[in-house]
């Protein structure tokens, strides 16, 4: 998977435990399904979506604890992440 991550510009800062390729986009980590659906509907010019690390409360990480986290996008030329959506918990 490392070569797939590298080919698609998934830097260590953007990296997580899971990588998928969906309809031309990279989905990295525990990205909520609603964000993937939105990505595929809106089709922005980005490489994909990532939730770096493994934040508690993200899909697949339901541990009873909830971390605030952001779903990020990035582009090949400028890998500076931009926020696609945010999840906060009180």
C-alpha atoms as a PDB file:
ATOM      1  CA  UNK A   1       0.000   0.000   0.000  1.00  0.00           C
ATOM      2  CA  UNK A   2       2.929   2.325   0.546  1.00  0.00           C
ATOM      3  CA  UNK A   3       3.535   2.596  -3.205  1.00  0.00           C
ATOM      4  CA  UNK A   4      -0.161   3.392  -3.798  1.00  0.00           C
ATOM      5  CA  UNK A   5      -0.033   6.087  -1.112  1.00  0.00           C
ATOM      6  CA  UNK A   6       3.133   7.583  -2.604  1.00  0.00           C
ATOM      7  CA  UNK A   7       1.750   7.492  -6.164  1.00  0.00           C
ATOM      8  CA  UNK A   8      -1.315   9.458  -5.067  1.00  0.00           C
ATOM      9  CA  UNK A   9       0.471  12.018  -2.907  1.00  0.00           C
ATOM     10  CA  UNK A  10      -0.510  10.672   0.493  1.00  0.00           C
ATOM     11  CA  UNK A  11       2.257  12.159   2.628  1.00  0.00           C
ATOM     12  CA  UNK A  12       3.000  10.886   6.145  1.00  0.00           C
ATOM     13  CA  UNK A  13       1.017  13.858   7.516  1.00  0.00           C
ATOM     14  CA  UNK A  14      -2.040  12.807   5.489  1.00  0.00           C
ATOM     15  CA  UNK A  15      -1.620   9.106   6.104  1.00  0.00           C
ATOM     16  CA  UNK A  16      -3.790   6.714   8.053  1.00  0.00           C
ATOM     17  CA  UNK A  17      -4.315   2.962   8.279  1.00  0.00           C
ATOM     18  CA  UNK A  18      -6.597   2.367   5.266  1.00  0.00           C
ATOM     19  CA  UNK A  19      -6.361   3.456   1.632  1.00  0.00           C
ATOM     20  CA  UNK A  20      -9.037   3.070  -1.037  1.00  0.00           C
ATOM     21  CA  UNK A  21      -9.338   4.267  -4.622  1.00  0.00           C
ATOM     22  CA  UNK A  22     -12.906   5.198  -5.554  1.00  0.00           C
ATOM     23  CA  UNK A  23     -13.890   6.629  -8.923  1.00  0.00           C
ATOM     24  CA  UNK A  24     -10.576   8.419  -9.385  1.00  0.00           C
ATOM     25  CA  UNK A  25     -10.243   9.651  -5.790  1.00  0.00           C
ATOM     26  CA  UNK A  26      -8.130   8.462  -2.873  1.00  0.00           C
ATOM     27  CA  UNK A  27      -9.934   7.824   0.407  1.00  0.00           C
ATOM     28  CA  UNK A  28      -7.460   7.614   3.274  1.00  0.00           C
ATOM     29  CA  UNK A  29      -8.393   6.549   6.771  1.00  0.00           C
ATOM     30  CA  UNK A  30     -11.702   6.607   8.616  1.00  0.00           C
ATOM     31  CA  UNK A  31     -13.617   9.000   6.328  1.00  0.00           C
ATOM     32  CA  UNK A  32     -17.376   9.187   7.009  1.00  0.00           C
ATOM     33  CA  UNK A  33     -19.565   7.794   4.212  1.00  0.00           C
ATOM     34  CA  UNK A  34     -21.467  11.102   3.948  1.00  0.00           C
ATOM     35  CA  UNK A  35     -18.231  12.869   3.000  1.00  0.00           C
ATOM     36  CA  UNK A  36     -17.411  10.264   0.359  1.00  0.00           C
ATOM     37  CA  UNK A  37     -20.910  10.640  -1.118  1.00  0.00           C
ATOM     38  CA  UNK A  38     -20.518  14.439  -1.148  1.00  0.00           C
ATOM     39  CA  UNK A  39     -17.102  14.131  -2.832  1.00  0.00           C
ATOM     40  CA  UNK A  40     -18.555  11.927  -5.564  1.00  0.00           C
ATOM     41  CA  UNK A  41     -21.530  14.261  -6.088  1.00  0.00           C
ATOM     42  CA  UNK A  42     -19.547  17.524  -6.131  1.00  0.00           C
ATOM     43  CA  UNK A  43     -16.438  16.125  -7.906  1.00  0.00           C
ATOM     44  CA  UNK A  44     -13.998  18.834  -6.719  1.00  0.00           C
ATOM     45  CA  UNK A  45     -10.534  18.980  -8.279  1.00  0.00           C
ATOM     46  CA  UNK A  46      -8.714  17.298  -5.398  1.00  0.00           C
ATOM     47  CA  UNK A  47      -6.802  14.048  -5.035  1.00  0.00           C
ATOM     48  CA  UNK A  48      -9.111  12.743  -2.348  1.00  0.00           C
ATOM     49  CA  UNK A  49     -10.176  12.780   1.283  1.00  0.00           C
ATOM     50  CA  UNK A  50      -8.265  11.840   4.402  1.00  0.00           C
ATOM     51  CA  UNK A  51      -8.757  11.582   8.132  1.00  0.00           C
ATOM     52  CA  UNK A  52      -5.150  11.373   9.331  1.00  0.00           C
ATOM     53  CA  UNK A  53      -4.475   9.050  12.220  1.00  0.00           C
ATOM     54  CA  UNK A  54      -7.290   7.139  13.850  1.00  0.00           C
ATOM     55  CA  UNK A  55      -9.458   9.580  15.827  1.00  0.00           C
ATOM     56  CA  UNK A  56     -11.889   8.104  18.330  1.00  0.00           C
ATOM     57  CA  UNK A  57     -15.489   8.476  17.184  1.00  0.00           C
ATOM     58  CA  UNK A  58     -14.686   8.348  13.472  1.00  0.00           C
ATOM     59  CA  UNK A  59     -16.292   5.489  11.490  1.00  0.00           C
ATOM     60  CA  UNK A  60     -14.796   2.217  12.646  1.00  0.00           C
ATOM     61  CA  UNK A  61     -13.316   3.845  15.753  1.00  0.00           C
ATOM     62  CA  UNK A  62     -16.448   3.861  17.919  1.00  0.00           C
ATOM     63  CA  UNK A  63     -14.814   3.376  21.316  1.00  0.00           C
ATOM     64  CA  UNK A  64     -17.136   5.476  23.485  1.00  0.00           C
ATOM     65  CA  UNK A  65     -14.649   8.342  23.371  1.00  0.00           C
ATOM     66  CA  UNK A  66     -15.029  11.141  20.818  1.00  0.00           C
ATOM     67  CA  UNK A  67     -12.187  13.221  19.417  1.00  0.00           C
ATOM     68  CA  UNK A  68     -12.732  16.308  17.294  1.00  0.00           C
ATOM     69  CA  UNK A  69     -11.372  15.714  13.794  1.00  0.00           C
ATOM     70  CA  UNK A  70     -11.417  17.110  10.282  1.00  0.00           C
ATOM     71  CA  UNK A  71     -11.768  15.446   6.909  1.00  0.00           C
ATOM     72  CA  UNK A  72      -9.104  16.964   4.678  1.00  0.00           C
ATOM     73  CA  UNK A  73      -8.489  17.288   0.938  1.00  0.00           C
ATOM     74  CA  UNK A  74      -5.242  17.873  -0.926  1.00  0.00           C
ATOM     75  CA  UNK A  75      -3.973  18.406  -4.455  1.00  0.00           C
ATOM     76  CA  UNK A  76      -1.006  16.898  -6.278  1.00  0.00           C
ATOM     77  CA  UNK A  77       0.741  20.239  -6.858  1.00  0.00           C
ATOM     78  CA  UNK A  78       0.117  21.624  -3.385  1.00  0.00           C
ATOM     79  CA  UNK A  79      -0.202  18.988  -0.738  1.00  0.00           C
ATOM     80  CA  UNK A  80      -1.196  21.555   1.875  1.00  0.00           C
ATOM     81  CA  UNK A  81      -4.399  20.069   3.304  1.00  0.00           C
ATOM     82  CA  UNK A  82      -7.686  21.961   3.189  1.00  0.00           C
ATOM     83  CA  UNK A  83     -10.679  21.214   5.405  1.00  0.00           C
ATOM     84  CA  UNK A  84     -13.546  19.416   3.643  1.00  0.00           C
ATOM     85  CA  UNK A  85     -15.646  18.921   6.780  1.00  0.00           C
ATOM     86  CA  UNK A  86     -15.243  18.985  10.556  1.00  0.00           C
ATOM     87  CA  UNK A  87     -16.625  16.820  13.344  1.00  0.00           C
ATOM     88  CA  UNK A  88     -16.706  18.248  16.850  1.00  0.00           C
ATOM     89  CA  UNK A  89     -18.069  16.746  20.018  1.00  0.00           C
ATOM     90  CA  UNK A  90     -18.923  18.390  23.304  1.00  0.00           C
END
